[in-house]
């Protein structure tokens, strides 16, 4: 996941699908293996802003929640609500127990 910038990528997904959010977390070059949790904040985003679209090519099986994949690799399965259809959202992750200058964000456009 990246912070939105001038090269924003708008991830296109079907509302109601579970989307795997994956990342690796390092601190001083070493894997962080004890991330206690994740908070997901979703806010509206103007679909008309200049972005490049990229379809979400993978869905996650199972429930929402944080998975520690070892070696600093994590996955959070985000069960998107069907009510997001025909809207754009900004997803912001807050990693509990980790101080970041800027929390990771991703942009999504939801279809039916």
Protein backbone atom coordinates (compact mmCIF):
# COMPACT_ATOMS: atom_id res chain seq x y z
CA UNK A 1 0.00 0.00 0.00
CA UNK A 2 1.22 3.45 -0.80
CA UNK A 3 0.31 6.92 0.27
CA UNK A 4 -1.68 8.69 -2.47
CA UNK A 5 0.45 11.15 -4.35
CA UNK A 6 0.62 12.63 -7.84
CA UNK A 7 0.62 9.11 -9.35
CA UNK A 8 -2.55 7.94 -7.59
CA UNK A 9 -3.75 4.47 -8.50
CA UNK A 10 -7.47 3.86 -8.14
CA UNK A 11 -8.01 0.17 -7.33
CA UNK A 12 -11.27 -1.05 -8.90
CA UNK A 13 -13.16 -3.75 -7.01
CA UNK A 14 -16.63 -5.19 -6.69
CA UNK A 15 -18.46 -3.94 -3.61
CA UNK A 16 -18.94 -6.76 -1.14
CA UNK A 17 -15.77 -8.67 -2.03
CA UNK A 18 -13.03 -9.31 0.48
CA UNK A 19 -9.80 -7.59 -0.57
CA UNK A 20 -6.41 -8.74 0.76
CA UNK A 21 -4.21 -5.82 1.81
CA UNK A 22 -0.59 -7.01 2.00
CA UNK A 23 2.57 -5.35 3.25
CA UNK A 24 5.96 -5.95 4.84
CA UNK A 25 6.93 -3.98 7.91
CA UNK A 26 10.59 -3.33 8.75
CA UNK A 27 12.10 -1.28 11.55
CA UNK A 28 15.82 -0.47 11.30
CA UNK A 29 16.01 -3.07 8.52
CA UNK A 30 14.60 -5.84 10.72
CA UNK A 31 11.16 -7.44 10.31
CA UNK A 32 8.51 -6.33 12.80
CA UNK A 33 6.98 -9.55 14.05
CA UNK A 34 4.75 -8.33 16.88
CA UNK A 35 2.23 -5.98 15.30
CA UNK A 36 -0.66 -5.99 17.75
CA UNK A 37 -3.41 -4.90 15.39
CA UNK A 38 -4.71 -2.75 12.57
CA UNK A 39 -7.41 -0.12 12.44
CA UNK A 40 -9.04 0.48 9.06
CA UNK A 41 -10.55 3.90 8.40
CA UNK A 42 -12.59 4.44 5.24
CA UNK A 43 -13.56 7.86 3.91
CA UNK A 44 -15.13 9.19 0.72
CA UNK A 45 -12.93 10.04 -2.25
CA UNK A 46 -13.82 12.10 -5.33
CA UNK A 47 -13.80 9.63 -8.24
CA UNK A 48 -13.29 12.52 -10.67
CA UNK A 49 -9.77 13.30 -9.46
CA UNK A 50 -6.92 12.37 -11.78
CA UNK A 51 -6.00 8.74 -11.18
CA UNK A 52 -4.93 5.61 -13.01
CA UNK A 53 -7.34 2.66 -12.65
CA UNK A 54 -6.13 -0.81 -11.73
CA UNK A 55 -8.55 -3.72 -11.23
CA UNK A 56 -8.11 -5.70 -8.03
CA UNK A 57 -7.03 -9.08 -9.39
CA UNK A 58 -7.19 -11.13 -6.24
CA UNK A 59 -9.77 -11.74 -3.57
CA UNK A 60 -9.22 -13.19 -0.14
CA UNK A 61 -10.95 -16.21 1.25
CA UNK A 62 -12.17 -15.97 4.80
CA UNK A 63 -13.08 -13.26 7.23
CA UNK A 64 -11.74 -9.78 7.78
CA UNK A 65 -8.79 -9.60 10.10
CA UNK A 66 -5.04 -9.31 10.50
CA UNK A 67 -2.79 -12.24 9.62
CA UNK A 68 0.89 -12.37 10.57
CA UNK A 69 2.61 -14.21 7.69
CA UNK A 70 6.05 -14.18 9.44
CA UNK A 71 9.21 -12.30 8.49
CA UNK A 72 7.48 -8.92 8.82
CA UNK A 73 4.84 -9.81 6.20
CA UNK A 74 1.22 -9.11 7.06
CA UNK A 75 -2.15 -9.41 5.38
CA UNK A 76 -5.41 -7.77 6.37
CA UNK A 77 -8.54 -9.14 4.71
CA UNK A 78 -10.91 -6.22 4.25
CA UNK A 79 -14.53 -7.33 3.83
CA UNK A 80 -15.96 -4.42 1.84
CA UNK A 81 -19.60 -3.52 2.36
CA UNK A 82 -21.97 -3.90 -0.59
CA UNK A 83 -23.19 -0.38 0.20
CA UNK A 84 -19.91 0.96 -1.28
CA UNK A 85 -21.16 0.17 -4.82
CA UNK A 86 -20.78 3.08 -7.27
CA UNK A 87 -18.53 5.08 -4.95
CA UNK A 88 -14.87 5.80 -4.35
CA UNK A 89 -13.15 5.45 -0.99
CA UNK A 90 -9.80 6.16 0.64
CA UNK A 91 -8.67 3.39 2.96
CA UNK A 92 -6.19 4.34 5.69
CA UNK A 93 -4.43 1.77 7.87
CA UNK A 94 -3.29 2.57 11.38
CA UNK A 95 -0.79 -0.01 12.59
CA UNK A 96 -1.24 -0.35 16.34
CA UNK A 97 2.00 -0.11 18.28
CA UNK A 98 3.92 1.38 15.32
CA UNK A 99 4.54 5.12 14.94
CA UNK A 100 4.57 6.23 11.28
CA UNK A 101 5.05 9.71 9.84
CA UNK A 102 2.21 9.02 7.42
CA UNK A 103 -0.15 6.04 7.62
CA UNK A 104 -0.46 3.86 4.50
CA UNK A 105 -3.42 4.65 2.25
CA UNK A 106 -5.02 3.13 -0.84
CA UNK A 107 -7.76 4.42 -3.18
CA UNK A 108 -10.69 2.25 -4.26
CA UNK A 109 -13.53 2.55 -6.76
CA UNK A 110 -16.36 0.12 -6.15
CA UNK A 111 -18.65 -1.37 -8.77
CA UNK A 112 -21.79 -3.48 -8.35
